[in-house]
Amino acid sequence: MNWCYLSLNPNAINLIKENQDKCDSIYLYQNPVIFELDYEAMKINNQEMYEELIKEVMKPSRVFKNPDYDYIWRTIWR
């Protein structure tokens, strides 16, 4: 069995878990199934950056620079 290619296969996660010692870690790290994103922690960690970004985008000097462009509508509905 070619463990290099099997390490890349997202459908073989159960086989990979049972045979971790045989898997090639270089290829294994390219397998998207092994990562689980913690979206709640990401939201908490990026809250300060998000608030600063909104403050910068919604500055009156930026919002009213081009009167023909509706910045507020674009920010809310994107």
PDB file of N, CA and C in Angstrom:
ATOM      1  N   MET A   1       0.847  -1.173   0.000  1.00  0.00           N
ATOM      2  CA  MET A   1       0.000   0.000   0.000  1.00  0.00           C
ATOM      3  C   MET A   1       0.897   1.242   0.000  1.00  0.00           C
ATOM      4  N   ASN A   2       0.543   2.218  -0.820  1.00  0.00           N
ATOM      5  CA  ASN A   2       1.321   3.445  -0.900  1.00  0.00           C
ATOM      6  C   ASN A   2       0.781   4.443   0.129  1.00  0.00           C
ATOM      7  N   TRP A   3       1.468   4.563   1.253  1.00  0.00           N
ATOM      8  CA  TRP A   3       1.005   5.401   2.353  1.00  0.00           C
ATOM      9  C   TRP A   3       1.147   6.886   2.055  1.00  0.00           C
ATOM     10  N   CYS A   4       2.041   7.242   1.135  1.00  0.00           N
ATOM     11  CA  CYS A   4       2.181   8.661   0.761  1.00  0.00           C
ATOM     12  C   CYS A   4       0.881   9.172   0.151  1.00  0.00           C
ATOM     13  N   TYR A   5       0.372   8.451  -0.829  1.00  0.00           N
ATOM     14  CA  TYR A   5      -0.857   8.876  -1.495  1.00  0.00           C
ATOM     15  C   TYR A   5      -2.079   8.677  -0.604  1.00  0.00           C
ATOM     16  N   LEU A   6      -2.050   7.663   0.205  1.00  0.00           N
ATOM     17  CA  LEU A   6      -3.168   7.425   1.116  1.00  0.00           C
ATOM     18  C   LEU A   6      -3.260   8.545   2.153  1.00  0.00           C
ATOM     19  N   SER A   7      -2.135   9.101   2.542  1.00  0.00           N
ATOM     20  CA  SER A   7      -2.119  10.204   3.501  1.00  0.00           C
ATOM     21  C   SER A   7      -2.827  11.439   2.951  1.00  0.00           C
ATOM     22  N   LEU A   8      -2.878  11.577   1.639  1.00  0.00           N
ATOM     23  CA  LEU A   8      -3.542  12.714   0.997  1.00  0.00           C
ATOM     24  C   LEU A   8      -5.054  12.516   0.844  1.00  0.00           C
ATOM     25  N   ASN A   9      -5.502  11.294   0.944  1.00  0.00           N
ATOM     26  CA  ASN A   9      -6.888  10.955   0.639  1.00  0.00           C
ATOM     27  C   ASN A   9      -7.811  11.289   1.822  1.00  0.00           C
ATOM     28  N   PRO A  10      -8.738  12.263   1.640  1.00  0.00           N
ATOM     29  CA  PRO A  10      -9.655  12.613   2.728  1.00  0.00           C
ATOM     30  C   PRO A  10     -10.616  11.486   3.103  1.00  0.00           C
ATOM     31  N   ASN A  11     -10.874  10.568   2.193  1.00  0.00           N
ATOM     32  CA  ASN A  11     -11.803   9.468   2.462  1.00  0.00           C
ATOM     33  C   ASN A  11     -11.175   8.339   3.289  1.00  0.00           C
ATOM     34  N   ALA A  12      -9.870   8.396   3.466  1.00  0.00           N
ATOM     35  CA  ALA A  12      -9.174   7.323   4.178  1.00  0.00           C
ATOM     36  C   ALA A  12      -8.821   7.721   5.611  1.00  0.00           C
ATOM     37  N   ILE A  13      -9.559   8.639   6.189  1.00  0.00           N
ATOM     38  CA  ILE A  13      -9.211   9.154   7.514  1.00  0.00           C
ATOM     39  C   ILE A  13      -9.232   8.069   8.587  1.00  0.00           C
ATOM     40  N   ASN A  14     -10.159   7.128   8.516  1.00  0.00           N
ATOM     41  CA  ASN A  14     -10.197   6.052   9.514  1.00  0.00           C
ATOM     42  C   ASN A  14      -8.975   5.147   9.409  1.00  0.00           C
ATOM     43  N   LEU A  15      -8.576   4.832   8.196  1.00  0.00           N
ATOM     44  CA  LEU A  15      -7.384   4.013   7.984  1.00  0.00           C
ATOM     45  C   LEU A  15      -6.119   4.755   8.435  1.00  0.00           C
ATOM     46  N   ILE A  16      -6.094   6.047   8.203  1.00  0.00           N
ATOM     47  CA  ILE A  16      -4.953   6.865   8.627  1.00  0.00           C
ATOM     48  C   ILE A  16      -4.859   6.895  10.156  1.00  0.00           C
ATOM     49  N   LYS A  17      -5.997   7.036  10.830  1.00  0.00           N
ATOM     50  CA  LYS A  17      -6.006   7.058  12.297  1.00  0.00           C
ATOM     51  C   LYS A  17      -5.477   5.753  12.881  1.00  0.00           C
ATOM     52  N   GLU A  18      -5.823   4.638  12.263  1.00  0.00           N
ATOM     53  CA  GLU A  18      -5.390   3.335  12.758  1.00  0.00           C
ATOM     54  C   GLU A  18      -3.911   3.062  12.482  1.00  0.00           C
ATOM     55  N   ASN A  19      -3.342   3.696  11.476  1.00  0.00           N
ATOM     56  CA  ASN A  19      -1.962   3.434  11.066  1.00  0.00           C
ATOM     57  C   ASN A  19      -1.143   4.722  11.002  1.00  0.00           C
ATOM     58  N   GLN A  20      -1.186   5.504  12.024  1.00  0.00           N
ATOM     59  CA  GLN A  20      -0.491   6.788  12.035  1.00  0.00           C
ATOM     60  C   GLN A  20       1.017   6.647  11.880  1.00  0.00           C
ATOM     61  N   ASP A  21       1.565   5.562  12.368  1.00  0.00           N
ATOM     62  CA  ASP A  21       3.008   5.360  12.279  1.00  0.00           C
ATOM     63  C   ASP A  21       3.478   5.109  10.843  1.00  0.00           C
ATOM     64  N   LYS A  22       2.588   4.665   9.966  1.00  0.00           N
ATOM     65  CA  LYS A  22       2.960   4.364   8.588  1.00  0.00           C
ATOM     66  C   LYS A  22       2.747   5.544   7.640  1.00  0.00           C
ATOM     67  N   CYS A  23       1.986   6.534   8.077  1.00  0.00           N
ATOM     68  CA  CYS A  23       1.658   7.671   7.206  1.00  0.00           C
ATOM     69  C   CYS A  23       2.828   8.638   7.112  1.00  0.00           C
ATOM     70  N   ASP A  24       2.947   9.242   5.956  1.00  0.00           N
ATOM     71  CA  ASP A  24       3.992  10.229   5.713  1.00  0.00           C
ATOM     72  C   ASP A  24       3.464  11.596   6.146  1.00  0.00           C
ATOM     73  N   SER A  25       4.105  12.190   7.136  1.00  0.00           N
ATOM     74  CA  SER A  25       3.590  13.438   7.706  1.00  0.00           C
ATOM     75  C   SER A  25       3.599  14.592   6.709  1.00  0.00           C
ATOM     76  N   ILE A  26       4.521  14.599   5.772  1.00  0.00           N
ATOM     77  CA  ILE A  26       4.561  15.668   4.770  1.00  0.00           C
ATOM     78  C   ILE A  26       3.266  15.678   3.958  1.00  0.00           C
ATOM     79  N   TYR A  27       2.815  14.515   3.570  1.00  0.00           N
ATOM     80  CA  TYR A  27       1.578  14.418   2.798  1.00  0.00           C
ATOM     81  C   TYR A  27       0.353  14.518   3.699  1.00  0.00           C
ATOM     82  N   LEU A  28       0.469  14.022   4.887  1.00  0.00           N
ATOM     83  CA  LEU A  28      -0.657  14.030   5.814  1.00  0.00           C
ATOM     84  C   LEU A  28      -1.109  15.451   6.126  1.00  0.00           C
ATOM     85  N   TYR A  29      -0.182  16.379   6.268  1.00  0.00           N
ATOM     86  CA  TYR A  29      -0.526  17.763   6.577  1.00  0.00           C
ATOM     87  C   TYR A  29      -1.235  18.454   5.424  1.00  0.00           C
ATOM     88  N   GLN A  30      -1.215  17.873   4.253  1.00  0.00           N
ATOM     89  CA  GLN A  30      -1.931  18.428   3.100  1.00  0.00           C
ATOM     90  C   GLN A  30      -3.362  17.890   3.012  1.00  0.00           C
ATOM     91  N   ASN A  31      -3.707  16.982   3.884  1.00  0.00           N
ATOM     92  CA  ASN A  31      -5.039  16.397   3.893  1.00  0.00           C
ATOM     93  C   ASN A  31      -5.974  17.337   4.661  1.00  0.00           C
ATOM     94  N   PRO A  32      -7.000  17.897   4.002  1.00  0.00           N
ATOM     95  CA  PRO A  32      -7.853  18.888   4.657  1.00  0.00           C
ATOM     96  C   PRO A  32      -8.746  18.323   5.760  1.00  0.00           C
ATOM     97  N   VAL A  33      -8.936  17.029   5.814  1.00  0.00           N
ATOM     98  CA  VAL A  33      -9.840  16.419   6.792  1.00  0.00           C
ATOM     99  C   VAL A  33      -9.242  16.403   8.201  1.00  0.00           C
ATOM    100  N   ILE A  34      -7.926  16.449   8.313  1.00  0.00           N
ATOM    101  CA  ILE A  34      -7.312  16.341   9.641  1.00  0.00           C
ATOM    102  C   ILE A  34      -7.430  17.625  10.453  1.00  0.00           C
ATOM    103  N   PHE A  35      -7.817  18.729   9.808  1.00  0.00           N
ATOM    104  CA  PHE A  35      -7.921  20.002  10.506  1.00  0.00           C
ATOM    105  C   PHE A  35      -9.373  20.309  10.828  1.00  0.00           C
ATOM    106  N   GLU A  36      -9.603  20.745  12.050  1.00  0.00           N
ATOM    107  CA  GLU A  36     -10.927  21.193  12.459  1.00  0.00           C
ATOM    108  C   GLU A  36     -10.791  22.638  12.914  1.00  0.00           C
ATOM    109  N   LEU A  37     -11.511  23.529  12.253  1.00  0.00           N
ATOM    110  CA  LEU A  37     -11.426  24.938  12.576  1.00  0.00           C
ATOM    111  C   LEU A  37     -12.383  25.280  13.715  1.00  0.00           C
ATOM    112  N   ASP A  38     -11.890  26.034  14.670  1.00  0.00           N
ATOM    113  CA  ASP A  38     -12.705  26.489  15.795  1.00  0.00           C
ATOM    114  C   ASP A  38     -13.198  27.896  15.467  1.00  0.00           C
ATOM    115  N   TYR A  39     -14.356  27.970  14.822  1.00  0.00           N
ATOM    116  CA  TYR A  39     -14.875  29.243  14.342  1.00  0.00           C
ATOM    117  C   TYR A  39     -15.209  30.195  15.486  1.00  0.00           C
ATOM    118  N   GLU A  40     -15.653  29.687  16.602  1.00  0.00           N
ATOM    119  CA  GLU A  40     -15.982  30.550  17.745  1.00  0.00           C
ATOM    120  C   GLU A  40     -14.721  31.216  18.290  1.00  0.00           C
ATOM    121  N   ALA A  41     -13.631  30.465  18.422  1.00  0.00           N
ATOM    122  CA  ALA A  41     -12.365  31.036  18.890  1.00  0.00           C
ATOM    123  C   ALA A  41     -11.818  32.040  17.875  1.00  0.00           C
ATOM    124  N   MET A  42     -11.972  31.743  16.598  1.00  0.00           N
ATOM    125  CA  MET A  42     -11.522  32.665  15.556  1.00  0.00           C
ATOM    126  C   MET A  42     -12.303  33.975  15.632  1.00  0.00           C
ATOM    127  N   LYS A  43     -13.589  33.879  15.893  1.00  0.00           N
ATOM    128  CA  LYS A  43     -14.433  35.069  16.012  1.00  0.00           C
ATOM    129  C   LYS A  43     -13.984  35.923  17.198  1.00  0.00           C
ATOM    130  N   ILE A  44     -13.730  35.285  18.323  1.00  0.00           N
ATOM    131  CA  ILE A  44     -13.291  36.004  19.525  1.00  0.00           C
ATOM    132  C   ILE A  44     -11.915  36.636  19.302  1.00  0.00           C
ATOM    133  N   ASN A  45     -11.006  35.905  18.712  1.00  0.00           N
ATOM    134  CA  ASN A  45      -9.645  36.407  18.495  1.00  0.00           C
ATOM    135  C   ASN A  45      -9.598  37.574  17.513  1.00  0.00           C
ATOM    136  N   ASN A  46     -10.536  37.625  16.576  1.00  0.00           N
ATOM    137  CA  ASN A  46     -10.510  38.662  15.548  1.00  0.00           C
ATOM    138  C   ASN A  46     -11.481  39.804  15.817  1.00  0.00           C
ATOM    139  N   GLN A  47     -12.139  39.794  16.947  1.00  0.00           N
ATOM    140  CA  GLN A  47     -13.138  40.818  17.259  1.00  0.00           C
ATOM    141  C   GLN A  47     -12.531  42.218  17.281  1.00  0.00           C
ATOM    142  N   GLU A  48     -11.381  42.376  17.903  1.00  0.00           N
ATOM    143  CA  GLU A  48     -10.743  43.696  17.989  1.00  0.00           C
ATOM    144  C   GLU A  48     -10.353  44.213  16.608  1.00  0.00           C
ATOM    145  N   MET A  49      -9.796  43.340  15.785  1.00  0.00           N
ATOM    146  CA  MET A  49      -9.417  43.736  14.430  1.00  0.00           C
ATOM    147  C   MET A  49     -10.650  44.105  13.607  1.00  0.00           C
ATOM    148  N   TYR A  50     -11.729  43.356  13.782  1.00  0.00           N
ATOM    149  CA  TYR A  50     -12.972  43.629  13.070  1.00  0.00           C
ATOM    150  C   TYR A  50     -13.523  45.010  13.454  1.00  0.00           C
ATOM    151  N   GLU A  51     -13.519  45.317  14.739  1.00  0.00           N
ATOM    152  CA  GLU A  51     -14.020  46.612  15.191  1.00  0.00           C
ATOM    153  C   GLU A  51     -13.175  47.757  14.642  1.00  0.00           C
ATOM    154  N   GLU A  52     -11.852  47.599  14.626  1.00  0.00           N
ATOM    155  CA  GLU A  52     -10.979  48.626  14.069  1.00  0.00           C
ATOM    156  C   GLU A  52     -11.222  48.804  12.574  1.00  0.00           C
ATOM    157  N   LEU A  53     -11.434  47.723  11.880  1.00  0.00           N
ATOM    158  CA  LEU A  53     -11.704  47.780  10.447  1.00  0.00           C
ATOM    159  C   LEU A  53     -13.010  48.526  10.167  1.00  0.00           C
ATOM    160  N   ILE A  54     -14.044  48.232  10.916  1.00  0.00           N
ATOM    161  CA  ILE A  54     -15.339  48.905  10.741  1.00  0.00           C
ATOM    162  C   ILE A  54     -15.200  50.397  11.038  1.00  0.00           C
ATOM    163  N   LYS A  55     -14.455  50.745  12.087  1.00  0.00           N
ATOM    164  CA  LYS A  55     -14.250  52.161  12.409  1.00  0.00           C
ATOM    165  C   LYS A  55     -13.549  52.880  11.257  1.00  0.00           C
ATOM    166  N   GLU A  56     -12.567  52.228  10.663  1.00  0.00           N
ATOM    167  CA  GLU A  56     -11.823  52.839   9.558  1.00  0.00           C
ATOM    168  C   GLU A  56     -12.695  52.964   8.311  1.00  0.00           C
ATOM    169  N   VAL A  57     -13.446  51.949   8.011  1.00  0.00           N
ATOM    170  CA  VAL A  57     -14.283  51.961   6.816  1.00  0.00           C
ATOM    171  C   VAL A  57     -15.420  52.972   6.951  1.00  0.00           C
ATOM    172  N   MET A  58     -15.973  53.109   8.135  1.00  0.00           N
ATOM    173  CA  MET A  58     -17.134  53.974   8.336  1.00  0.00           C
ATOM    174  C   MET A  58     -16.779  55.400   8.760  1.00  0.00           C
ATOM    175  N   LYS A  59     -15.511  55.792   8.662  1.00  0.00           N
ATOM    176  CA  LYS A  59     -15.123  57.166   8.976  1.00  0.00           C
ATOM    177  C   LYS A  59     -15.878  58.122   8.060  1.00  0.00           C
ATOM    178  N   PRO A  60     -16.339  59.227   8.584  1.00  0.00           N
ATOM    179  CA  PRO A  60     -17.046  60.185   7.723  1.00  0.00           C
ATOM    180  C   PRO A  60     -16.215  60.654   6.532  1.00  0.00           C
ATOM    181  N   SER A  61     -14.913  60.801   6.719  1.00  0.00           N
ATOM    182  CA  SER A  61     -14.068  61.255   5.606  1.00  0.00           C
ATOM    183  C   SER A  61     -14.037  60.237   4.466  1.00  0.00           C
ATOM    184  N   ARG A  62     -14.208  58.965   4.784  1.00  0.00           N
ATOM    185  CA  ARG A  62     -14.246  57.937   3.733  1.00  0.00           C
ATOM    186  C   ARG A  62     -15.643  57.777   3.157  1.00  0.00           C
ATOM    187  N   VAL A  63     -16.627  57.799   4.028  1.00  0.00           N
ATOM    188  CA  VAL A  63     -18.003  57.541   3.597  1.00  0.00           C
ATOM    189  C   VAL A  63     -18.487  58.617   2.638  1.00  0.00           C
ATOM    190  N   PHE A  64     -18.143  59.849   2.896  1.00  0.00           N
ATOM    191  CA  PHE A  64     -18.668  60.939   2.084  1.00  0.00           C
ATOM    192  C   PHE A  64     -17.699  61.419   1.008  1.00  0.00           C
ATOM    193  N   LYS A  65     -16.657  60.647   0.743  1.00  0.00           N
ATOM    194  CA  LYS A  65     -15.694  61.027  -0.291  1.00  0.00           C
ATOM    195  C   LYS A  65     -16.335  60.986  -1.678  1.00  0.00           C
ATOM    196  N   ASN A  66     -17.137  59.974  -1.938  1.00  0.00           N
ATOM    197  CA  ASN A  66     -17.804  59.816  -3.224  1.00  0.00           C
ATOM    198  C   ASN A  66     -19.312  59.773  -2.966  1.00  0.00           C
ATOM    199  N   PRO A  67     -20.015  60.876  -3.223  1.00  0.00           N
ATOM    200  CA  PRO A  67     -21.450  60.909  -2.889  1.00  0.00           C
ATOM    201  C   PRO A  67     -22.312  59.973  -3.740  1.00  0.00           C
ATOM    202  N   ASP A  68     -21.798  59.506  -4.866  1.00  0.00           N
ATOM    203  CA  ASP A  68     -22.570  58.610  -5.730  1.00  0.00           C
ATOM    204  C   ASP A  68     -22.475  57.150  -5.310  1.00  0.00           C
ATOM    205  N   TYR A  69     -21.603  56.839  -4.381  1.00  0.00           N
ATOM    206  CA  TYR A  69     -21.385  55.449  -3.968  1.00  0.00           C
ATOM    207  C   TYR A  69     -21.997  55.233  -2.591  1.00  0.00           C
ATOM    208  N   ASP A  70     -22.819  54.246  -2.454  1.00  0.00           N
ATOM    209  CA  ASP A  70     -23.501  53.983  -1.198  1.00  0.00           C
ATOM    210  C   ASP A  70     -22.675  53.014  -0.340  1.00  0.00           C
ATOM    211  N   TYR A  71     -21.751  53.551   0.475  1.00  0.00           N
ATOM    212  CA  TYR A  71     -20.857  52.736   1.296  1.00  0.00           C
ATOM    213  C   TYR A  71     -21.614  51.973   2.376  1.00  0.00           C
ATOM    214  N   ILE A  72     -22.589  52.629   2.970  1.00  0.00           N
ATOM    215  CA  ILE A  72     -23.310  52.007   4.073  1.00  0.00           C
ATOM    216  C   ILE A  72     -24.080  50.794   3.571  1.00  0.00           C
ATOM    217  N   TRP A  73     -24.778  50.932   2.461  1.00  0.00           N
ATOM    218  CA  TRP A  73     -25.521  49.797   1.894  1.00  0.00           C
ATOM    219  C   TRP A  73     -24.582  48.658   1.550  1.00  0.00           C
ATOM    220  N   ARG A  74     -23.431  48.945   0.953  1.00  0.00           N
ATOM    221  CA  ARG A  74     -22.462  47.917   0.575  1.00  0.00           C
ATOM    222  C   ARG A  74     -21.899  47.200   1.799  1.00  0.00           C
ATOM    223  N   THR A  75     -21.644  47.930   2.887  1.00  0.00           N
ATOM    224  CA  THR A  75     -21.081  47.346   4.100  1.00  0.00           C
ATOM    225  C   THR A  75     -22.085  46.418   4.770  1.00  0.00           C
ATOM    226  N   ILE A  76     -23.323  46.804   4.811  1.00  0.00           N
ATOM    227  CA  ILE A  76     -24.340  46.003   5.499  1.00  0.00           C
ATOM    228  C   ILE A  76     -24.708  44.758   4.690  1.00  0.00           C
ATOM    229  N   TRP A  77     -24.853  44.870   3.389  1.00  0.00           N
ATOM    230  CA  TRP A  77     -25.396  43.790   2.574  1.00  0.00           C
ATOM    231  C   TRP A  77     -24.366  42.928   1.912  1.00  0.00           C
ATOM    232  N   ARG A  78     -23.115  43.063   2.203  1.00  0.00           N
ATOM    233  CA  ARG A  78     -22.103  42.192   1.599  1.00  0.00           C
ATOM    234  C   ARG A  78     -21.943  40.949   2.358  1.00  0.00           C
TER     235      ARG A  78
END
